[in-house]
């Protein structure tokens, strides 16, 4: 459940919730307008309930891998796509 508090000229939203995977989520953000705070709180809570809050999209992931391979693929240590893909789950959890 989101808590919205008036802070000076803005509104602070705090969300404390456990996602479907059992991970506790605590998120906070400040908005100028109350309606923006309400909308963000509803959308963020729904995203946490669906289990997709904070997940990196597949397209973004592929872009990151391509950039990594471009930067480090020609180094003395060969980087294989399998090596990077094997670390995907670990990297996304942050």
N, C-alpha and C. Protein backbone atom coordinates (compact mmCIF):
# COMPACT_ATOMS: atom_id res chain seq x y z
N UNK A 1 0.85 -1.18 0.00
CA UNK A 1 0.00 0.00 0.00
C UNK A 1 0.89 1.23 0.00
N UNK A 2 0.53 2.19 -0.82
CA UNK A 2 1.30 3.42 -0.93
C UNK A 2 0.87 4.42 0.14
N UNK A 3 1.84 5.16 0.63
CA UNK A 3 1.59 6.25 1.57
C UNK A 3 2.01 7.54 0.89
N UNK A 4 1.12 8.51 0.83
CA UNK A 4 1.43 9.79 0.21
C UNK A 4 1.41 10.86 1.29
N UNK A 5 2.53 11.60 1.39
CA UNK A 5 2.70 12.60 2.43
C UNK A 5 3.06 13.94 1.79
N UNK A 6 2.44 15.01 2.26
CA UNK A 6 2.77 16.35 1.78
C UNK A 6 4.13 16.74 2.36
N UNK A 7 5.05 17.14 1.47
CA UNK A 7 6.40 17.55 1.87
C UNK A 7 6.69 18.89 1.21
N UNK A 8 6.59 19.97 1.97
CA UNK A 8 6.84 21.29 1.40
C UNK A 8 5.85 21.57 0.29
N UNK A 9 6.37 21.77 -0.92
CA UNK A 9 5.51 22.03 -2.08
C UNK A 9 5.16 20.78 -2.86
N UNK A 10 5.68 19.63 -2.46
CA UNK A 10 5.45 18.40 -3.21
C UNK A 10 4.80 17.33 -2.38
N UNK A 11 4.67 16.16 -3.00
CA UNK A 11 4.07 15.00 -2.36
C UNK A 11 5.03 13.83 -2.47
N UNK A 12 5.34 13.23 -1.33
CA UNK A 12 6.24 12.08 -1.31
C UNK A 12 5.40 10.81 -1.27
N UNK A 13 5.74 9.88 -2.15
CA UNK A 13 5.07 8.58 -2.20
C UNK A 13 6.04 7.54 -1.69
N UNK A 14 5.58 6.72 -0.74
CA UNK A 14 6.37 5.59 -0.24
C UNK A 14 5.57 4.33 -0.48
N UNK A 15 6.21 3.36 -1.10
CA UNK A 15 5.57 2.07 -1.34
C UNK A 15 6.42 1.01 -0.67
N UNK A 16 5.78 0.21 0.17
CA UNK A 16 6.44 -0.93 0.82
C UNK A 16 5.60 -2.14 0.52
N UNK A 17 6.18 -3.07 -0.23
CA UNK A 17 5.39 -4.21 -0.69
C UNK A 17 6.31 -5.40 -0.97
N UNK A 18 5.79 -6.60 -0.82
CA UNK A 18 6.51 -7.81 -1.17
C UNK A 18 6.04 -8.27 -2.54
N UNK A 19 6.99 -8.47 -3.47
CA UNK A 19 6.61 -8.89 -4.82
C UNK A 19 6.25 -10.37 -4.84
N UNK A 20 5.75 -10.89 -5.98
CA UNK A 20 5.34 -12.30 -6.06
C UNK A 20 6.46 -13.30 -5.80
N UNK A 21 7.72 -12.84 -5.88
CA UNK A 21 8.86 -13.73 -5.66
C UNK A 21 9.35 -13.70 -4.22
N UNK A 22 8.65 -12.94 -3.36
CA UNK A 22 9.01 -12.88 -1.95
C UNK A 22 10.04 -11.81 -1.62
N UNK A 23 10.43 -11.01 -2.59
CA UNK A 23 11.41 -9.95 -2.37
C UNK A 23 10.69 -8.68 -1.90
N UNK A 24 11.16 -8.10 -0.81
CA UNK A 24 10.55 -6.89 -0.27
C UNK A 24 11.00 -5.69 -1.09
N UNK A 25 10.05 -4.89 -1.53
CA UNK A 25 10.33 -3.70 -2.32
C UNK A 25 10.00 -2.47 -1.48
N UNK A 26 10.92 -1.53 -1.41
CA UNK A 26 10.67 -0.25 -0.74
C UNK A 26 11.11 0.85 -1.70
N UNK A 27 10.14 1.64 -2.16
CA UNK A 27 10.39 2.64 -3.18
C UNK A 27 9.83 3.97 -2.72
N UNK A 28 10.53 5.05 -3.05
CA UNK A 28 10.07 6.38 -2.66
C UNK A 28 10.34 7.35 -3.80
N UNK A 29 9.41 8.28 -3.99
CA UNK A 29 9.57 9.29 -5.03
C UNK A 29 8.76 10.52 -4.67
N UNK A 30 9.19 11.70 -5.14
CA UNK A 30 8.50 12.97 -4.83
C UNK A 30 7.93 13.56 -6.11
N UNK A 31 6.70 14.11 -6.02
CA UNK A 31 6.01 14.72 -7.15
C UNK A 31 5.52 16.11 -6.77
N UNK A 32 5.37 16.96 -7.77
CA UNK A 32 4.82 18.30 -7.56
C UNK A 32 3.30 18.25 -7.37
N UNK A 33 2.64 17.38 -8.12
CA UNK A 33 1.17 17.30 -8.08
C UNK A 33 0.69 16.02 -7.43
N UNK A 34 -0.39 16.14 -6.68
CA UNK A 34 -0.98 14.98 -5.99
C UNK A 34 -1.46 13.93 -7.00
N UNK A 35 -2.06 14.37 -8.10
CA UNK A 35 -2.59 13.41 -9.07
C UNK A 35 -1.45 12.60 -9.71
N UNK A 36 -0.29 13.22 -9.92
CA UNK A 36 0.87 12.49 -10.44
C UNK A 36 1.37 11.46 -9.43
N UNK A 37 1.35 11.84 -8.17
CA UNK A 37 1.76 10.92 -7.10
C UNK A 37 0.81 9.73 -7.04
N UNK A 38 -0.50 9.99 -7.11
CA UNK A 38 -1.49 8.90 -7.09
C UNK A 38 -1.32 7.96 -8.27
N UNK A 39 -1.15 8.53 -9.47
CA UNK A 39 -1.01 7.72 -10.68
C UNK A 39 0.24 6.84 -10.60
N UNK A 40 1.37 7.44 -10.19
CA UNK A 40 2.62 6.68 -10.10
C UNK A 40 2.50 5.56 -9.07
N UNK A 41 1.86 5.85 -7.94
CA UNK A 41 1.69 4.84 -6.89
C UNK A 41 0.88 3.66 -7.42
N UNK A 42 -0.24 3.93 -8.11
CA UNK A 42 -1.07 2.84 -8.66
C UNK A 42 -0.30 2.01 -9.67
N UNK A 43 0.38 2.70 -10.61
CA UNK A 43 1.11 1.99 -11.66
C UNK A 43 2.27 1.17 -11.09
N UNK A 44 2.98 1.71 -10.12
CA UNK A 44 4.12 1.02 -9.54
C UNK A 44 3.67 -0.19 -8.72
N UNK A 45 2.61 -0.03 -7.94
CA UNK A 45 2.09 -1.18 -7.18
C UNK A 45 1.61 -2.28 -8.10
N UNK A 46 0.94 -1.92 -9.19
CA UNK A 46 0.49 -2.93 -10.16
C UNK A 46 1.68 -3.64 -10.79
N UNK A 47 2.73 -2.89 -11.09
CA UNK A 47 3.93 -3.47 -11.68
C UNK A 47 4.59 -4.46 -10.71
N UNK A 48 4.63 -4.10 -9.43
CA UNK A 48 5.20 -5.00 -8.42
C UNK A 48 4.34 -6.26 -8.31
N UNK A 49 3.02 -6.10 -8.32
CA UNK A 49 2.12 -7.26 -8.25
C UNK A 49 2.30 -8.20 -9.43
N UNK A 50 2.52 -7.64 -10.62
CA UNK A 50 2.74 -8.47 -11.81
C UNK A 50 4.12 -9.13 -11.79
N UNK A 51 5.03 -8.58 -11.00
CA UNK A 51 6.38 -9.14 -10.93
C UNK A 51 7.33 -8.57 -11.95
N UNK A 52 6.96 -7.46 -12.59
CA UNK A 52 7.85 -6.92 -13.61
C UNK A 52 8.43 -5.55 -13.25
N UNK A 53 8.32 -5.15 -12.00
CA UNK A 53 8.91 -3.86 -11.59
C UNK A 53 10.44 -3.97 -11.61
N UNK A 54 11.07 -3.05 -12.31
CA UNK A 54 12.52 -2.99 -12.32
C UNK A 54 13.21 -3.97 -13.25
N UNK A 55 12.46 -4.72 -14.06
CA UNK A 55 13.09 -5.66 -14.97
C UNK A 55 13.61 -4.94 -16.21
N UNK A 56 14.72 -5.40 -16.68
CA UNK A 56 15.32 -4.85 -17.88
C UNK A 56 14.67 -5.52 -19.09
N UNK A 57 14.28 -4.74 -20.07
CA UNK A 57 13.65 -5.31 -21.26
C UNK A 57 14.67 -6.12 -22.06
N UNK A 58 14.18 -7.03 -22.87
CA UNK A 58 15.04 -7.87 -23.68
C UNK A 58 15.86 -7.02 -24.66
N UNK A 59 15.22 -6.02 -25.24
CA UNK A 59 15.93 -5.15 -26.19
C UNK A 59 17.06 -4.40 -25.49
N UNK A 60 16.81 -3.90 -24.30
CA UNK A 60 17.85 -3.19 -23.57
C UNK A 60 18.99 -4.13 -23.22
N UNK A 61 18.65 -5.35 -22.81
CA UNK A 61 19.68 -6.33 -22.48
C UNK A 61 20.56 -6.62 -23.68
N UNK A 62 19.96 -6.85 -24.84
CA UNK A 62 20.75 -7.13 -26.04
C UNK A 62 21.64 -5.95 -26.41
N UNK A 63 21.13 -4.74 -26.22
CA UNK A 63 21.93 -3.56 -26.48
C UNK A 63 23.14 -3.49 -25.55
N UNK A 64 22.93 -3.80 -24.28
CA UNK A 64 24.03 -3.80 -23.32
C UNK A 64 25.08 -4.85 -23.68
N UNK A 65 24.64 -6.04 -24.07
CA UNK A 65 25.57 -7.11 -24.44
C UNK A 65 26.37 -6.70 -25.68
N UNK A 66 25.69 -6.13 -26.67
CA UNK A 66 26.40 -5.70 -27.88
C UNK A 66 27.44 -4.63 -27.57
N UNK A 67 27.08 -3.68 -26.73
CA UNK A 67 28.04 -2.64 -26.33
C UNK A 67 29.23 -3.25 -25.59
N UNK A 68 28.96 -4.20 -24.72
CA UNK A 68 30.02 -4.85 -23.95
C UNK A 68 30.96 -5.62 -24.89
N UNK A 69 30.38 -6.38 -25.81
CA UNK A 69 31.20 -7.16 -26.73
C UNK A 69 32.00 -6.25 -27.66
N UNK A 70 31.43 -5.12 -28.04
CA UNK A 70 32.16 -4.17 -28.88
C UNK A 70 33.35 -3.60 -28.13
N UNK A 71 33.15 -3.28 -26.87
CA UNK A 71 34.21 -2.67 -26.08
C UNK A 71 35.28 -3.67 -25.67
N UNK A 72 34.89 -4.88 -25.30
CA UNK A 72 35.84 -5.83 -24.73
C UNK A 72 36.05 -7.08 -25.57
N UNK A 73 35.37 -7.20 -26.69
CA UNK A 73 35.46 -8.41 -27.51
C UNK A 73 36.81 -8.62 -28.16
N UNK A 74 37.55 -7.54 -28.39
CA UNK A 74 38.86 -7.64 -29.05
C UNK A 74 40.01 -7.69 -28.06
N UNK A 75 39.71 -7.77 -26.77
CA UNK A 75 40.79 -7.80 -25.78
C UNK A 75 41.52 -9.14 -25.83
N UNK A 76 42.60 -9.24 -25.09
CA UNK A 76 43.40 -10.47 -25.10
C UNK A 76 42.59 -11.66 -24.58
N UNK A 77 41.65 -11.40 -23.69
CA UNK A 77 40.78 -12.46 -23.22
C UNK A 77 39.50 -12.43 -24.06
N UNK A 78 39.24 -13.49 -24.78
CA UNK A 78 38.07 -13.53 -25.63
C UNK A 78 36.80 -13.61 -24.77
N UNK A 79 35.83 -12.80 -25.14
CA UNK A 79 34.54 -12.80 -24.45
C UNK A 79 33.54 -13.48 -25.35
N UNK A 80 32.88 -14.47 -24.83
CA UNK A 80 31.89 -15.19 -25.61
C UNK A 80 30.49 -14.76 -25.18
N UNK A 81 29.58 -14.80 -26.13
CA UNK A 81 28.20 -14.43 -25.84
C UNK A 81 27.65 -15.33 -24.74
N UNK A 82 28.03 -16.60 -24.73
CA UNK A 82 27.55 -17.53 -23.71
C UNK A 82 28.00 -17.09 -22.32
N UNK A 83 29.22 -16.56 -22.22
CA UNK A 83 29.73 -16.10 -20.92
C UNK A 83 28.90 -14.94 -20.41
N UNK A 84 28.59 -14.00 -21.30
CA UNK A 84 27.80 -12.84 -20.91
C UNK A 84 26.38 -13.26 -20.58
N UNK A 85 25.80 -14.12 -21.41
CA UNK A 85 24.43 -14.58 -21.19
C UNK A 85 24.30 -15.35 -19.87
N UNK A 86 25.34 -16.07 -19.50
CA UNK A 86 25.31 -16.82 -18.25
C UNK A 86 25.24 -15.91 -17.04
N UNK A 87 25.73 -14.69 -17.19
CA UNK A 87 25.71 -13.73 -16.07
C UNK A 87 24.49 -12.84 -16.08
N UNK A 88 23.63 -13.00 -17.06
CA UNK A 88 22.47 -12.13 -17.20
C UNK A 88 21.61 -12.10 -15.95
N UNK A 89 21.28 -13.26 -15.44
CA UNK A 89 20.40 -13.32 -14.26
C UNK A 89 21.03 -12.59 -13.08
N UNK A 90 22.31 -12.76 -12.90
CA UNK A 90 23.00 -12.09 -11.79
C UNK A 90 23.02 -10.58 -11.98
N UNK A 91 23.29 -10.12 -13.20
CA UNK A 91 23.37 -8.69 -13.45
C UNK A 91 22.03 -8.00 -13.32
N UNK A 92 20.96 -8.64 -13.76
CA UNK A 92 19.64 -8.02 -13.73
C UNK A 92 19.11 -7.92 -12.30
N UNK A 93 19.55 -8.79 -11.41
CA UNK A 93 19.02 -8.75 -10.04
C UNK A 93 19.42 -7.50 -9.29
N UNK A 94 20.40 -6.74 -9.79
CA UNK A 94 20.80 -5.50 -9.15
C UNK A 94 19.98 -4.41 -9.64
